[in-house]
């Protein structure tokens, strides 16, 4: 791959993560409830000196290390995702680039718009095929361990056998993140349920729209092109209408 094509690929991924960050900020401004991981990030920011973005980075770093211990080696895109979304979020918040909604209808518009941006940005950055987010690296590592424990076979994290357990592992991880975030004071509300209902269909809509990038750069994996994510951050709660391999925010 030429230097110019490689630079375009990384710029493409960064553009997608930028869209994710704007989607997260819109959901926070809506004040109607957040997705599982963002509930945890907000709870940590309320109980510690960390900002929301820094909390996201710390959680991501912990998950990357945990996944590495479990045998899932992070790719460069995973590490960039871990840092960039949190850093950009804090800049967007500090600069006030998005005005807060001033009415209840606007708050719901922000919530729905934020979920759509989150789904679009997730499909966008994943289409660069440079690695999924740290939360999904952890999920895939645990799914692989669970598959090995049940079948006695050690297969790659992205294999169909391991992917069958991804939904269960995702539900446990996101349930634990939501519960921990709630007890830390993170916002759980009607918006949390609405976002959970919207993110699956939104991802199902946007993922095929970015399939054309397969003509630009080859996929590193042949078995599973879109490992089970979203981010950004950010996240398809258990029970939402999506397949096990569909990504959450980051």
Protein backbone atom coordinates (compact mmCIF):
# COMPACT_ATOMS: atom_id res chain seq x y z
CA UNK A 1 0.00 0.00 0.00
CA UNK A 2 1.36 3.43 -0.96
CA UNK A 3 2.11 6.12 1.61
CA UNK A 4 -0.70 8.27 0.26
CA UNK A 5 -3.22 5.43 0.47
CA UNK A 6 -2.10 4.59 4.01
CA UNK A 7 -2.47 8.24 5.07
CA UNK A 8 -5.96 8.34 3.56
CA UNK A 9 -6.88 5.20 5.47
CA UNK A 10 -5.84 6.69 8.80
CA UNK A 11 -7.53 10.01 7.99
CA UNK A 12 -10.68 8.07 7.13
CA UNK A 13 -10.63 6.35 10.52
CA UNK A 14 -10.06 9.64 12.36
CA UNK A 15 -13.00 11.22 10.51
CA UNK A 16 -15.26 8.39 11.63
CA UNK A 17 -14.14 8.71 15.25
CA UNK A 18 -14.80 12.45 15.08
CA UNK A 19 -18.40 11.74 14.09
CA UNK A 20 -18.65 9.27 17.00
CA UNK A 21 -17.44 11.94 19.43
CA UNK A 22 -20.04 14.45 18.25
CA UNK A 23 -22.72 11.80 18.66
CA UNK A 24 -21.65 11.10 22.24
CA UNK A 25 -21.63 14.81 23.07
CA UNK A 26 -25.15 15.25 21.69
CA UNK A 27 -26.42 12.39 23.87
CA UNK A 28 -24.77 13.88 26.95
CA UNK A 29 -26.32 17.30 26.23
CA UNK A 30 -29.74 15.69 25.81
CA UNK A 31 -29.68 14.70 29.52
CA UNK A 32 -32.08 11.82 28.92
CA UNK A 33 -29.74 8.93 29.77
CA UNK A 34 -26.61 7.42 28.22
CA UNK A 35 -25.49 4.08 26.86
CA UNK A 36 -23.80 1.49 29.13
CA UNK A 37 -20.15 2.51 28.81
CA UNK A 38 -20.92 6.23 28.78
CA UNK A 39 -22.96 5.84 31.97
CA UNK A 40 -19.78 4.44 33.53
CA UNK A 41 -17.61 7.22 32.10
CA UNK A 42 -19.97 9.89 33.40
CA UNK A 43 -20.19 8.23 36.80
CA UNK A 44 -16.40 8.16 37.07
CA UNK A 45 -16.15 11.81 36.05
CA UNK A 46 -18.63 12.73 38.79
CA UNK A 47 -16.77 10.82 41.51
CA UNK A 48 -13.15 11.47 40.55
CA UNK A 49 -11.06 14.40 39.26
CA UNK A 50 -11.22 12.84 35.78
CA UNK A 51 -13.09 14.53 32.95
CA UNK A 52 -15.57 12.51 30.91
CA UNK A 53 -13.00 12.10 28.15
CA UNK A 54 -10.25 11.09 30.56
CA UNK A 55 -12.57 8.55 32.20
CA UNK A 56 -13.22 7.07 28.77
CA UNK A 57 -9.48 6.84 28.15
CA UNK A 58 -8.78 5.22 31.53
CA UNK A 59 -11.53 2.63 31.06
CA UNK A 60 -10.27 1.94 27.55
CA UNK A 61 -6.68 1.51 28.76
CA UNK A 62 -7.75 -0.92 31.48
CA UNK A 63 -9.70 -2.97 28.95
CA UNK A 64 -6.80 -3.00 26.47
CA UNK A 65 -4.45 -4.34 29.16
CA UNK A 66 -7.02 -6.90 30.31
CA UNK A 67 -7.59 -8.07 26.74
CA UNK A 68 -3.84 -8.31 26.20
CA UNK A 69 -3.53 -10.53 29.27
CA UNK A 70 -6.26 -12.72 27.76
CA UNK A 71 -4.33 -12.97 24.51
CA UNK A 72 -6.01 -10.30 22.37
CA UNK A 73 -3.21 -8.09 21.04
CA UNK A 74 -4.48 -4.55 20.31
CA UNK A 75 -3.97 -3.09 16.86
CA UNK A 76 -2.76 0.46 16.25
CA UNK A 77 -6.29 1.60 15.45
CA UNK A 78 -7.51 0.28 18.80
CA UNK A 79 -4.96 2.40 20.65
CA UNK A 80 -5.79 5.47 18.59
CA UNK A 81 -9.49 4.97 19.28
CA UNK A 82 -8.81 4.68 23.01
CA UNK A 83 -7.06 8.05 23.10
CA UNK A 84 -8.68 10.12 20.36
CA UNK A 85 -12.37 9.92 21.24
CA UNK A 86 -11.79 10.89 24.87
CA UNK A 87 -9.38 13.70 24.00
CA UNK A 88 -11.65 15.18 21.34
CA UNK A 89 -14.71 14.93 23.59
CA UNK A 90 -13.06 17.10 26.23
CA UNK A 91 -12.13 19.68 23.58
CA UNK A 92 -15.67 19.77 22.16
CA UNK A 93 -17.10 20.19 25.67
CA UNK A 94 -14.60 22.86 26.73
CA UNK A 95 -15.02 24.91 23.54
CA UNK A 96 -18.81 24.63 23.59
CA UNK A 97 -18.90 23.70 19.91
CA UNK A 98 -22.37 22.17 20.32
CA UNK A 99 -25.02 24.37 21.97
CA UNK A 100 -27.23 22.72 24.60
CA UNK A 101 -30.87 22.01 23.67
CA UNK A 102 -33.36 24.51 25.06
CA UNK A 103 -36.56 22.46 25.01
CA UNK A 104 -37.76 18.90 25.55
CA UNK A 105 -38.31 18.25 21.80
CA UNK A 106 -34.78 19.49 21.13
CA UNK A 107 -33.41 17.18 23.81
CA UNK A 108 -35.03 14.20 22.11
CA UNK A 109 -33.78 15.43 18.75
CA UNK A 110 -30.26 15.58 20.21
CA UNK A 111 -30.62 12.06 21.58
CA UNK A 112 -31.83 10.55 18.31
CA UNK A 113 -29.32 12.56 16.28
CA UNK A 114 -26.54 11.52 18.63
CA UNK A 115 -27.39 7.84 18.25
CA UNK A 116 -27.46 8.18 14.46
CA UNK A 117 -24.08 9.92 14.46
CA UNK A 118 -22.71 7.26 16.78
CA UNK A 119 -23.86 4.48 14.46
CA UNK A 120 -22.66 6.28 11.34
CA UNK A 121 -19.27 7.08 12.86
CA UNK A 122 -18.82 3.50 14.08
CA UNK A 123 -19.51 2.04 10.65
CA UNK A 124 -17.28 4.74 9.13
CA UNK A 125 -14.19 4.15 11.28
CA UNK A 126 -14.57 0.35 11.22
CA UNK A 127 -14.53 0.47 7.43
CA UNK A 128 -10.88 1.56 7.64
CA UNK A 129 -10.16 -1.95 8.99
CA UNK A 130 -7.44 -0.76 11.33
CA UNK A 131 -8.88 -2.25 14.52
CA UNK A 132 -11.99 -1.96 16.66
CA UNK A 133 -12.31 -0.17 19.99
CA UNK A 134 -10.84 -1.43 23.29
CA UNK A 135 -14.22 -2.47 24.66
CA UNK A 136 -14.71 -4.85 21.78
CA UNK A 137 -11.18 -6.18 22.08
CA UNK A 138 -12.03 -7.20 25.63
CA UNK A 139 -15.34 -8.69 24.52
CA UNK A 140 -13.69 -10.75 21.78
CA UNK A 141 -10.97 -11.99 24.13
CA UNK A 142 -13.56 -13.15 26.68
CA UNK A 143 -15.70 -14.70 23.93
CA UNK A 144 -12.68 -16.67 22.77
CA UNK A 145 -12.01 -17.90 26.31
CA UNK A 146 -15.65 -18.88 26.78
CA UNK A 147 -15.68 -20.76 23.48
CA UNK A 148 -12.49 -22.60 24.41
CA UNK A 149 -13.90 -23.54 27.82
CA UNK A 150 -17.08 -24.93 26.28
CA UNK A 151 -15.70 -26.59 23.15
CA UNK A 152 -12.13 -27.41 24.11
CA UNK A 153 -10.90 -25.76 20.91
CA UNK A 154 -8.73 -22.64 20.80
CA UNK A 155 -9.82 -20.48 17.85
CA UNK A 156 -9.04 -16.87 16.89
CA UNK A 157 -11.19 -14.24 18.61
CA UNK A 158 -12.87 -13.35 15.32
CA UNK A 159 -13.72 -16.91 14.34
CA UNK A 160 -17.37 -17.97 13.92
CA UNK A 161 -17.09 -20.27 16.95
CA UNK A 162 -15.93 -17.51 19.27
CA UNK A 163 -18.36 -15.01 17.71
CA UNK A 164 -21.30 -17.17 18.79
CA UNK A 165 -20.51 -16.28 22.41
CA UNK A 166 -19.99 -12.58 21.71
CA UNK A 167 -23.60 -11.61 22.43
CA UNK A 168 -23.53 -13.21 25.89
CA UNK A 169 -20.20 -11.61 26.77
CA UNK A 170 -21.36 -8.24 25.44
CA UNK A 171 -24.47 -8.36 27.59
CA UNK A 172 -22.51 -9.19 30.74
CA UNK A 173 -19.89 -6.48 30.14
CA UNK A 174 -22.38 -3.77 29.26
CA UNK A 175 -24.69 -4.77 32.10
CA UNK A 176 -21.79 -4.52 34.53
CA UNK A 177 -20.75 -1.14 33.09
CA UNK A 178 -24.29 0.21 33.39
CA UNK A 179 -24.68 -1.03 36.97
CA UNK A 180 -21.32 0.36 38.06
CA UNK A 181 -22.00 3.67 36.33
CA UNK A 182 -25.45 3.94 37.88
CA UNK A 183 -24.10 3.47 41.42
CA UNK A 184 -21.46 6.10 40.68
CA UNK A 185 -24.19 8.56 39.72
CA UNK A 186 -24.14 8.10 35.95
CA UNK A 187 -27.38 9.00 34.11
CA UNK A 188 -29.72 6.12 33.31
CA UNK A 189 -33.14 7.10 31.98
CA UNK A 190 -35.66 6.92 29.20
CA UNK A 191 -32.97 7.96 26.76
CA UNK A 192 -30.95 4.89 27.68
CA UNK A 193 -33.82 2.64 26.58
CA UNK A 194 -34.48 4.69 23.45
CA UNK A 195 -30.82 4.62 22.46
CA UNK A 196 -30.71 0.85 22.99
CA UNK A 197 -33.69 0.44 20.67
CA UNK A 198 -32.23 2.69 17.97
CA UNK A 199 -28.56 1.69 17.86
CA UNK A 200 -29.06 -1.81 16.42
CA UNK A 201 -31.19 -0.80 13.41
CA UNK A 202 -28.98 2.24 12.87
CA UNK A 203 -25.85 0.09 12.70
CA UNK A 204 -27.62 -2.35 10.39
CA UNK A 205 -28.40 0.60 8.09
CA UNK A 206 -24.97 2.25 8.09
CA UNK A 207 -22.62 -0.74 7.94
CA UNK A 208 -23.48 -1.70 4.33
CA UNK A 209 -23.18 1.96 3.28
CA UNK A 210 -19.44 1.82 3.94
CA UNK A 211 -18.80 -1.53 2.24
CA UNK A 212 -17.42 0.35 -0.79
CA UNK A 213 -14.19 1.00 1.14
CA UNK A 214 -13.29 -2.64 0.54
CA UNK A 215 -12.15 -1.49 -2.90
CA UNK A 216 -9.72 0.99 -1.33
CA UNK A 217 -7.81 -1.22 1.08
CA UNK A 218 -7.72 -4.96 1.82
CA UNK A 219 -9.26 -6.41 4.95
CA UNK A 220 -6.72 -7.95 7.37
CA UNK A 221 -9.11 -10.68 8.51
CA UNK A 222 -10.97 -13.07 6.24
CA UNK A 223 -13.37 -14.68 8.70
CA UNK A 224 -14.99 -11.73 10.38
CA UNK A 225 -14.65 -8.29 8.88
CA UNK A 226 -16.51 -6.31 11.55
CA UNK A 227 -15.62 -7.55 15.04
CA UNK A 228 -18.28 -7.15 17.66
CA UNK A 229 -18.13 -3.30 18.59
CA UNK A 230 -18.97 0.49 19.10
CA UNK A 231 -17.54 2.13 20.23
CA UNK A 232 -16.88 5.40 20.56
CA UNK A 233 -17.53 4.97 22.75
CA UNK A 234 -19.85 3.40 22.40
CA UNK A 235 -22.35 0.33 22.38
CA UNK A 236 -25.30 -1.88 21.71
CA UNK A 237 -26.94 -3.03 24.94
CA UNK A 238 -28.12 -6.60 25.28
CA UNK A 239 -31.49 -7.25 23.73
CA UNK A 240 -31.20 -4.69 20.94
CA UNK A 241 -31.89 -5.91 17.40
CA UNK A 242 -28.42 -6.58 16.07
CA UNK A 243 -26.26 -9.55 15.20
CA UNK A 244 -23.47 -10.59 17.54
CA UNK A 245 -20.72 -9.23 15.28
CA UNK A 246 -22.19 -5.79 14.80
CA UNK A 247 -20.03 -3.09 16.36
CA UNK A 248 -20.84 -0.72 19.11
CA UNK A 249 -19.26 2.72 19.29
CA UNK A 250 -15.63 1.95 19.96
